[in-house]
PDB file of N, CA and C in Angstrom:
ATOM      1  N   MET A   1      -5.536  -4.321  10.057  1.00  0.00           N
ATOM      2  CA  MET A   1      -5.925  -4.083   8.682  1.00  0.00           C
ATOM      3  C   MET A   1      -7.181  -3.214   8.627  1.00  0.00           C
ATOM      4  N   LYS A   2      -8.110  -3.508   9.517  1.00  0.00           N
ATOM      5  CA  LYS A   2      -9.346  -2.724   9.532  1.00  0.00           C
ATOM      6  C   LYS A   2      -9.055  -1.256   9.849  1.00  0.00           C
ATOM      7  N   ALA A   3      -8.143  -1.015  10.766  1.00  0.00           N
ATOM      8  CA  ALA A   3      -7.771   0.365  11.103  1.00  0.00           C
ATOM      9  C   ALA A   3      -7.181   1.071   9.885  1.00  0.00           C
ATOM     10  N   TRP A   4      -6.347   0.361   9.118  1.00  0.00           N
ATOM     11  CA  TRP A   4      -5.745   0.949   7.910  1.00  0.00           C
ATOM     12  C   TRP A   4      -6.841   1.310   6.912  1.00  0.00           C
ATOM     13  N   VAL A   5      -7.798   0.406   6.703  1.00  0.00           N
ATOM     14  CA  VAL A   5      -8.895   0.668   5.769  1.00  0.00           C
ATOM     15  C   VAL A   5      -9.680   1.901   6.211  1.00  0.00           C
ATOM     16  N   ASP A   6      -9.980   1.992   7.489  1.00  0.00           N
ATOM     17  CA  ASP A   6     -10.719   3.149   7.997  1.00  0.00           C
ATOM     18  C   ASP A   6      -9.942   4.447   7.765  1.00  0.00           C
ATOM     19  N   GLU A   7      -8.640   4.422   7.983  1.00  0.00           N
ATOM     20  CA  GLU A   7      -7.815   5.617   7.766  1.00  0.00           C
ATOM     21  C   GLU A   7      -7.757   6.001   6.295  1.00  0.00           C
ATOM     22  N   VAL A   8      -7.652   5.011   5.426  1.00  0.00           N
ATOM     23  CA  VAL A   8      -7.556   5.283   3.988  1.00  0.00           C
ATOM     24  C   VAL A   8      -8.864   5.855   3.451  1.00  0.00           C
ATOM     25  N   LYS A   9      -9.983   5.403   3.983  1.00  0.00           N
ATOM     26  CA  LYS A   9     -11.276   5.946   3.545  1.00  0.00           C
ATOM     27  C   LYS A   9     -11.369   7.443   3.819  1.00  0.00           C
ATOM     28  N   LYS A  10     -10.702   7.906   4.859  1.00  0.00           N
ATOM     29  CA  LYS A  10     -10.733   9.322   5.235  1.00  0.00           C
ATOM     30  C   LYS A  10      -9.593  10.125   4.607  1.00  0.00           C
ATOM     31  N   ALA A  11      -8.640   9.449   4.005  1.00  0.00           N
ATOM     32  CA  ALA A  11      -7.443  10.110   3.481  1.00  0.00           C
ATOM     33  C   ALA A  11      -7.747  10.931   2.232  1.00  0.00           C
ATOM     34  N   ASP A  12      -6.926  11.939   2.015  1.00  0.00           N
ATOM     35  CA  ASP A  12      -7.007  12.779   0.822  1.00  0.00           C
ATOM     36  C   ASP A  12      -5.610  12.830   0.215  1.00  0.00           C
ATOM     37  N   TRP A  13      -5.258  11.752  -0.469  1.00  0.00           N
ATOM     38  CA  TRP A  13      -3.921  11.631  -1.038  1.00  0.00           C
ATOM     39  C   TRP A  13      -3.915  12.120  -2.478  1.00  0.00           C
ATOM     40  N   SER A  14      -3.297  13.241  -2.722  1.00  0.00           N
ATOM     41  CA  SER A  14      -3.210  13.778  -4.084  1.00  0.00           C
ATOM     42  C   SER A  14      -1.857  13.500  -4.720  1.00  0.00           C
ATOM     43  N   GLN A  15      -0.906  13.027  -3.900  1.00  0.00           N
ATOM     44  CA  GLN A  15       0.437  12.729  -4.395  1.00  0.00           C
ATOM     45  C   GLN A  15       1.138  11.822  -3.382  1.00  0.00           C
ATOM     46  N   PRO A  16       2.213  11.165  -3.793  1.00  0.00           N
ATOM     47  CA  PRO A  16       2.925  10.269  -2.881  1.00  0.00           C
ATOM     48  C   PRO A  16       3.385  10.931  -1.578  1.00  0.00           C
ATOM     49  N   ALA A  17       3.734  12.199  -1.627  1.00  0.00           N
ATOM     50  CA  ALA A  17       4.191  12.889  -0.414  1.00  0.00           C
ATOM     51  C   ALA A  17       3.112  12.906   0.666  1.00  0.00           C
ATOM     52  N   ALA A  18       1.852  12.935   0.262  1.00  0.00           N
ATOM     53  CA  ALA A  18       0.752  12.923   1.231  1.00  0.00           C
ATOM     54  C   ALA A  18       0.696  11.588   1.963  1.00  0.00           C
ATOM     55  N   ILE A  19       0.997  10.512   1.263  1.00  0.00           N
ATOM     56  CA  ILE A  19       1.039   9.193   1.897  1.00  0.00           C
ATOM     57  C   ILE A  19       2.199   9.136   2.877  1.00  0.00           C
ATOM     58  N   LYS A  20       3.370   9.598   2.457  1.00  0.00           N
ATOM     59  CA  LYS A  20       4.551   9.584   3.337  1.00  0.00           C
ATOM     60  C   LYS A  20       4.333  10.455   4.573  1.00  0.00           C
ATOM     61  N   ALA A  21       3.575  11.520   4.436  1.00  0.00           N
ATOM     62  CA  ALA A  21       3.292  12.374   5.590  1.00  0.00           C
ATOM     63  C   ALA A  21       2.436  11.642   6.621  1.00  0.00           C
ATOM     64  N   GLN A  22       1.559  10.779   6.143  1.00  0.00           N
ATOM     65  CA  GLN A  22       0.679  10.031   7.042  1.00  0.00           C
ATOM     66  C   GLN A  22       1.322   8.730   7.515  1.00  0.00           C
ATOM     67  N   TYR A  23       2.065   8.079   6.629  1.00  0.00           N
ATOM     68  CA  TYR A  23       2.693   6.787   6.930  1.00  0.00           C
ATOM     69  C   TYR A  23       4.181   6.884   6.612  1.00  0.00           C
ATOM     70  N   ARG A  24       4.969   7.253   7.573  1.00  0.00           N
ATOM     71  CA  ARG A  24       6.401   7.468   7.342  1.00  0.00           C
ATOM     72  C   ARG A  24       7.115   6.206   6.900  1.00  0.00           C
ATOM     73  N   SER A  25       6.635   5.043   7.310  1.00  0.00           N
ATOM     74  CA  SER A  25       7.313   3.797   6.947  1.00  0.00           C
ATOM     75  C   SER A  25       6.861   3.247   5.596  1.00  0.00           C
ATOM     76  N   ALA A  26       5.892   3.894   4.948  1.00  0.00           N
ATOM     77  CA  ALA A  26       5.445   3.439   3.632  1.00  0.00           C
ATOM     78  C   ALA A  26       6.570   3.600   2.617  1.00  0.00           C
ATOM     79  N   SER A  27       6.624   2.670   1.677  1.00  0.00           N
ATOM     80  CA  SER A  27       7.623   2.740   0.604  1.00  0.00           C
ATOM     81  C   SER A  27       6.917   3.084  -0.698  1.00  0.00           C
ATOM     82  N   ILE A  28       7.346   4.147  -1.341  1.00  0.00           N
ATOM     83  CA  ILE A  28       6.772   4.584  -2.608  1.00  0.00           C
ATOM     84  C   ILE A  28       7.561   3.918  -3.735  1.00  0.00           C
ATOM     85  N   LEU A  29       6.841   3.212  -4.603  1.00  0.00           N
ATOM     86  CA  LEU A  29       7.461   2.515  -5.730  1.00  0.00           C
ATOM     87  C   LEU A  29       7.030   3.149  -7.042  1.00  0.00           C
ATOM     88  N   LYS A  30       7.525   2.583  -8.145  1.00  0.00           N
ATOM     89  CA  LYS A  30       7.097   3.016  -9.474  1.00  0.00           C
ATOM     90  C   LYS A  30       5.649   2.606  -9.698  1.00  0.00           C
ATOM     91  N   ASN A  31       5.077   3.113 -10.787  1.00  0.00           N
ATOM     92  CA  ASN A  31       3.727   2.725 -11.222  1.00  0.00           C
ATOM     93  C   ASN A  31       2.664   3.002 -10.164  1.00  0.00           C
ATOM     94  N   ARG A  32       2.829   4.085  -9.419  1.00  0.00           N
ATOM     95  CA  ARG A  32       1.864   4.504  -8.395  1.00  0.00           C
ATOM     96  C   ARG A  32       1.664   3.458  -7.305  1.00  0.00           C
ATOM     97  N   ARG A  33       2.649   2.616  -7.097  1.00  0.00           N
ATOM     98  CA  ARG A  33       2.546   1.568  -6.082  1.00  0.00           C
ATOM     99  C   ARG A  33       3.135   2.032  -4.759  1.00  0.00           C
ATOM    100  N   VAL A  34       2.532   1.520  -3.683  1.00  0.00           N
ATOM    101  CA  VAL A  34       2.978   1.844  -2.334  1.00  0.00           C
ATOM    102  C   VAL A  34       2.964   0.566  -1.507  1.00  0.00           C
ATOM    103  N   VAL A  35       3.984   0.392  -0.679  1.00  0.00           N
ATOM    104  CA  VAL A  35       4.063  -0.751   0.231  1.00  0.00           C
ATOM    105  C   VAL A  35       3.878  -0.231   1.652  1.00  0.00           C
ATOM    106  N   PHE A  36       2.928  -0.832   2.358  1.00  0.00           N
ATOM    107  CA  PHE A  36       2.661  -0.488   3.754  1.00  0.00           C
ATOM    108  C   PHE A  36       3.069  -1.647   4.646  1.00  0.00           C
ATOM    109  N   ASN A  37       3.620  -1.322   5.799  1.00  0.00           N
ATOM    110  CA  ASN A  37       3.932  -2.306   6.826  1.00  0.00           C
ATOM    111  C   ASN A  37       2.724  -2.408   7.743  1.00  0.00           C
ATOM    112  N   ILE A  38       2.230  -3.615   7.929  1.00  0.00           N
ATOM    113  CA  ILE A  38       1.043  -3.838   8.748  1.00  0.00           C
ATOM    114  C   ILE A  38       1.418  -4.686   9.959  1.00  0.00           C
ATOM    115  N   LYS A  39       0.859  -4.350  11.090  1.00  0.00           N
ATOM    116  CA  LYS A  39       1.071  -5.084  12.349  1.00  0.00           C
ATOM    117  C   LYS A  39       2.557  -5.203  12.668  1.00  0.00           C
ATOM    118  N   GLY A  40       3.185  -4.059  12.798  1.00  0.00           N
ATOM    119  CA  GLY A  40       4.590  -4.040  13.185  1.00  0.00           C
ATOM    120  C   GLY A  40       5.503  -4.715  12.183  1.00  0.00           C
ATOM    121  N   ASN A  41       5.175  -4.590  10.896  1.00  0.00           N
ATOM    122  CA  ASN A  41       5.975  -5.146   9.799  1.00  0.00           C
ATOM    123  C   ASN A  41       5.851  -6.667   9.698  1.00  0.00           C
ATOM    124  N   GLU A  42       4.876  -7.247  10.395  1.00  0.00           N
ATOM    125  CA  GLU A  42       4.634  -8.692  10.263  1.00  0.00           C
ATOM    126  C   GLU A  42       4.005  -9.008   8.909  1.00  0.00           C
ATOM    127  N   TYR A  43       3.221  -8.066   8.406  1.00  0.00           N
ATOM    128  CA  TYR A  43       2.564  -8.223   7.111  1.00  0.00           C
ATOM    129  C   TYR A  43       2.943  -7.063   6.215  1.00  0.00           C
ATOM    130  N   ARG A  44       2.832  -7.296   4.915  1.00  0.00           N
ATOM    131  CA  ARG A  44       3.067  -6.244   3.920  1.00  0.00           C
ATOM    132  C   ARG A  44       1.837  -6.127   3.036  1.00  0.00           C
ATOM    133  N   LEU A  45       1.516  -4.907   2.697  1.00  0.00           N
ATOM    134  CA  LEU A  45       0.386  -4.602   1.835  1.00  0.00           C
ATOM    135  C   LEU A  45       0.903  -3.768   0.677  1.00  0.00           C
ATOM    136  N   VAL A  46       0.657  -4.228  -0.545  1.00  0.00           N
ATOM    137  CA  VAL A  46       1.048  -3.492  -1.744  1.00  0.00           C
ATOM    138  C   VAL A  46      -0.233  -2.999  -2.414  1.00  0.00           C
ATOM    139  N   VAL A  47      -0.285  -1.704  -2.667  1.00  0.00           N
ATOM    140  CA  VAL A  47      -1.452  -1.126  -3.325  1.00  0.00           C
ATOM    141  C   VAL A  47      -1.017  -0.270  -4.499  1.00  0.00           C
ATOM    142  N   SER A  48      -1.954  -0.040  -5.382  1.00  0.00           N
ATOM    143  CA  SER A  48      -1.785   0.926  -6.459  1.00  0.00           C
ATOM    144  C   SER A  48      -2.745   2.068  -6.141  1.00  0.00           C
ATOM    145  N   VAL A  49      -2.267   3.288  -6.240  1.00  0.00           N
ATOM    146  CA  VAL A  49      -3.083   4.446  -5.882  1.00  0.00           C
ATOM    147  C   VAL A  49      -3.419   5.244  -7.135  1.00  0.00           C
ATOM    148  N   ALA A  50      -4.717   5.466  -7.345  1.00  0.00           N
ATOM    149  CA  ALA A  50      -5.184   6.340  -8.425  1.00  0.00           C
ATOM    150  C   ALA A  50      -5.470   7.696  -7.771  1.00  0.00           C
ATOM    151  N   TYR A  51      -4.454   8.536  -7.710  1.00  0.00           N
ATOM    152  CA  TYR A  51      -4.560   9.803  -6.984  1.00  0.00           C
ATOM    153  C   TYR A  51      -5.698  10.671  -7.500  1.00  0.00           C
ATOM    154  N   ARG A  52      -5.864  10.723  -8.779  1.00  0.00           N
ATOM    155  CA  ARG A  52      -6.895  11.569  -9.392  1.00  0.00           C
ATOM    156  C   ARG A  52      -8.297  11.162  -8.947  1.00  0.00           C
ATOM    157  N   PHE A  53      -8.512   9.868  -8.774  1.00  0.00           N
ATOM    158  CA  PHE A  53      -9.832   9.360  -8.404  1.00  0.00           C
ATOM    159  C   PHE A  53      -9.954   9.031  -6.920  1.00  0.00           C
ATOM    160  N   GLN A  54      -8.870   9.237  -6.168  1.00  0.00           N
ATOM    161  CA  GLN A  54      -8.852   8.924  -4.741  1.00  0.00           C
ATOM    162  C   GLN A  54      -9.247   7.465  -4.507  1.00  0.00           C
ATOM    163  N   ALA A  55      -8.656   6.575  -5.302  1.00  0.00           N
ATOM    164  CA  ALA A  55      -8.944   5.143  -5.195  1.00  0.00           C
ATOM    165  C   ALA A  55      -7.666   4.379  -4.893  1.00  0.00           C
ATOM    166  N   VAL A  56      -7.805   3.304  -4.131  1.00  0.00           N
ATOM    167  CA  VAL A  56      -6.683   2.446  -3.763  1.00  0.00           C
ATOM    168  C   VAL A  56      -7.039   1.020  -4.157  1.00  0.00           C
ATOM    169  N   TYR A  57      -6.157   0.366  -4.901  1.00  0.00           N
ATOM    170  CA  TYR A  57      -6.380  -0.999  -5.376  1.00  0.00           C
ATOM    171  C   TYR A  57      -5.360  -1.926  -4.721  1.00  0.00           C
ATOM    172  N   VAL A  58      -5.845  -2.915  -4.004  1.00  0.00           N
ATOM    173  CA  VAL A  58      -4.961  -3.864  -3.337  1.00  0.00           C
ATOM    174  C   VAL A  58      -4.365  -4.800  -4.383  1.00  0.00           C
ATOM    175  N   LYS A  59      -3.041  -4.900  -4.388  1.00  0.00           N
ATOM    176  CA  LYS A  59      -2.322  -5.772  -5.311  1.00  0.00           C
ATOM    177  C   LYS A  59      -1.766  -7.005  -4.620  1.00  0.00           C
ATOM    178  N   PHE A  60      -1.479  -6.883  -3.319  1.00  0.00           N
ATOM    179  CA  PHE A  60      -0.909  -8.002  -2.560  1.00  0.00           C
ATOM    180  C   PHE A  60      -1.056  -7.724  -1.076  1.00  0.00           C
ATOM    181  N   ILE A  61      -1.347  -8.774  -0.332  1.00  0.00           N
ATOM    182  CA  ILE A  61      -1.261  -8.717   1.123  1.00  0.00           C
ATOM    183  C   ILE A  61      -0.765 -10.073   1.587  1.00  0.00           C
ATOM    184  N   GLY A  62       0.251 -10.057   2.426  1.00  0.00           N
ATOM    185  CA  GLY A  62       0.817 -11.308   2.910  1.00  0.00           C
ATOM    186  C   GLY A  62       1.853 -11.060   3.985  1.00  0.00           C
ATOM    187  N   THR A  63       2.421 -12.136   4.461  1.00  0.00           N
ATOM    188  CA  THR A  63       3.456 -12.020   5.488  1.00  0.00           C
ATOM    189  C   THR A  63       4.701 -11.382   4.886  1.00  0.00           C
ATOM    190  N   HIS A  64       5.584 -10.970   5.753  1.00  0.00           N
ATOM    191  CA  HIS A  64       6.845 -10.392   5.297  1.00  0.00           C
ATOM    192  C   HIS A  64       7.610 -11.419   4.453  1.00  0.00           C
ATOM    193  N   ALA A  65       7.599 -12.681   4.867  1.00  0.00           N
ATOM    194  CA  ALA A  65       8.295 -13.741   4.117  1.00  0.00           C
ATOM    195  C   ALA A  65       7.674 -13.928   2.735  1.00  0.00           C
ATOM    196  N   GLU A  66       6.348 -13.876   2.640  1.00  0.00           N
ATOM    197  CA  GLU A  66       5.687 -13.999   1.324  1.00  0.00           C
ATOM    198  C   GLU A  66       6.022 -12.806   0.451  1.00  0.00           C
ATOM    199  N   TYR A  67       6.080 -11.629   1.056  1.00  0.00           N
ATOM    200  CA  TYR A  67       6.426 -10.418   0.315  1.00  0.00           C
ATOM    201  C   TYR A  67       7.820 -10.533  -0.297  1.00  0.00           C
ATOM    202  N   ASP A  68       8.725 -11.134   0.417  1.00  0.00           N
ATOM    203  CA  ASP A  68      10.095 -11.282  -0.075  1.00  0.00           C
ATOM    204  C   ASP A  68      10.167 -12.123  -1.344  1.00  0.00           C
ATOM    205  N   ARG A  69       9.125 -12.887  -1.647  1.00  0.00           N
ATOM    206  CA  ARG A  69       9.123 -13.758  -2.829  1.00  0.00           C
ATOM    207  C   ARG A  69       8.387 -13.157  -4.027  1.00  0.00           C
ATOM    208  N   ILE A  70       7.901 -11.924  -3.914  1.00  0.00           N
ATOM    209  CA  ILE A  70       7.168 -11.310  -5.030  1.00  0.00           C
ATOM    210  C   ILE A  70       7.898 -10.067  -5.526  1.00  0.00           C
ATOM    211  N   ASP A  71       7.480  -9.592  -6.680  1.00  0.00           N
ATOM    212  CA  ASP A  71       7.958  -8.308  -7.205  1.00  0.00           C
ATOM    213  C   ASP A  71       6.856  -7.290  -6.950  1.00  0.00           C
ATOM    214  N   ALA A  72       7.051  -6.420  -5.990  1.00  0.00           N
ATOM    215  CA  ALA A  72       6.011  -5.467  -5.581  1.00  0.00           C
ATOM    216  C   ALA A  72       5.619  -4.503  -6.689  1.00  0.00           C
ATOM    217  N   GLU A  73       6.482  -4.326  -7.676  1.00  0.00           N
ATOM    218  CA  GLU A  73       6.176  -3.394  -8.761  1.00  0.00           C
ATOM    219  C   GLU A  73       5.284  -4.005  -9.837  1.00  0.00           C
ATOM    220  N   THR A  74       5.121  -5.327  -9.831  1.00  0.00           N
ATOM    221  CA  THR A  74       4.313  -5.957 -10.877  1.00  0.00           C
ATOM    222  C   THR A  74       3.248  -6.917 -10.340  1.00  0.00           C
ATOM    223  N   VAL A  75       3.289  -7.254  -9.059  1.00  0.00           N
ATOM    224  CA  VAL A  75       2.363  -8.244  -8.506  1.00  0.00           C
ATOM    225  C   VAL A  75       0.910  -7.785  -8.695  1.00  0.00           C
ATOM    226  N   GLU A  76       0.047  -8.765  -8.949  1.00  0.00           N
ATOM    227  CA  GLU A  76      -1.392  -8.513  -9.068  1.00  0.00           C
ATOM    228  C   GLU A  76      -2.114  -9.449  -8.117  1.00  0.00           C
ATOM    229  N   MET A  77      -3.210  -8.995  -7.552  1.00  0.00           N
ATOM    230  CA  MET A  77      -3.997  -9.793  -6.628  1.00  0.00           C
ATOM    231  C   MET A  77      -4.596 -10.979  -7.365  1.00  0.00           C
ATOM    232  N   GLU A  78      -4.417 -12.162  -6.803  1.00  0.00           N
ATOM    233  CA  GLU A  78      -4.995 -13.371  -7.398  1.00  0.00           C
ATOM    234  C   GLU A  78      -6.424 -13.518  -6.909  1.00  0.00           C
ATOM    235  N   ILE A  79      -7.282 -13.895  -7.818  1.00  0.00           N
ATOM    236  CA  ILE A  79      -8.700 -14.063  -7.464  1.00  0.00           C
ATOM    237  C   ILE A  79      -9.025 -15.533  -7.321  1.00  0.00           C
TER     238      ILE A  79
END
């Protein structure tokens, strides 16, 4: 996860294609959402990307089994 954060801090994503170029296994969803496979697909990370502001908002992080129980297009991070 730390490696992903370090890579994202350096990224210049202006559109979904830029994410796919860097992370071929990423899934691009509606509402500017992206799903990343972490640690060999053991974990899933759902983020919302504000391309204009170069910001990434974490919406969900959990195991693959936990991911299967959520709607990645609407999930929000619980505080």
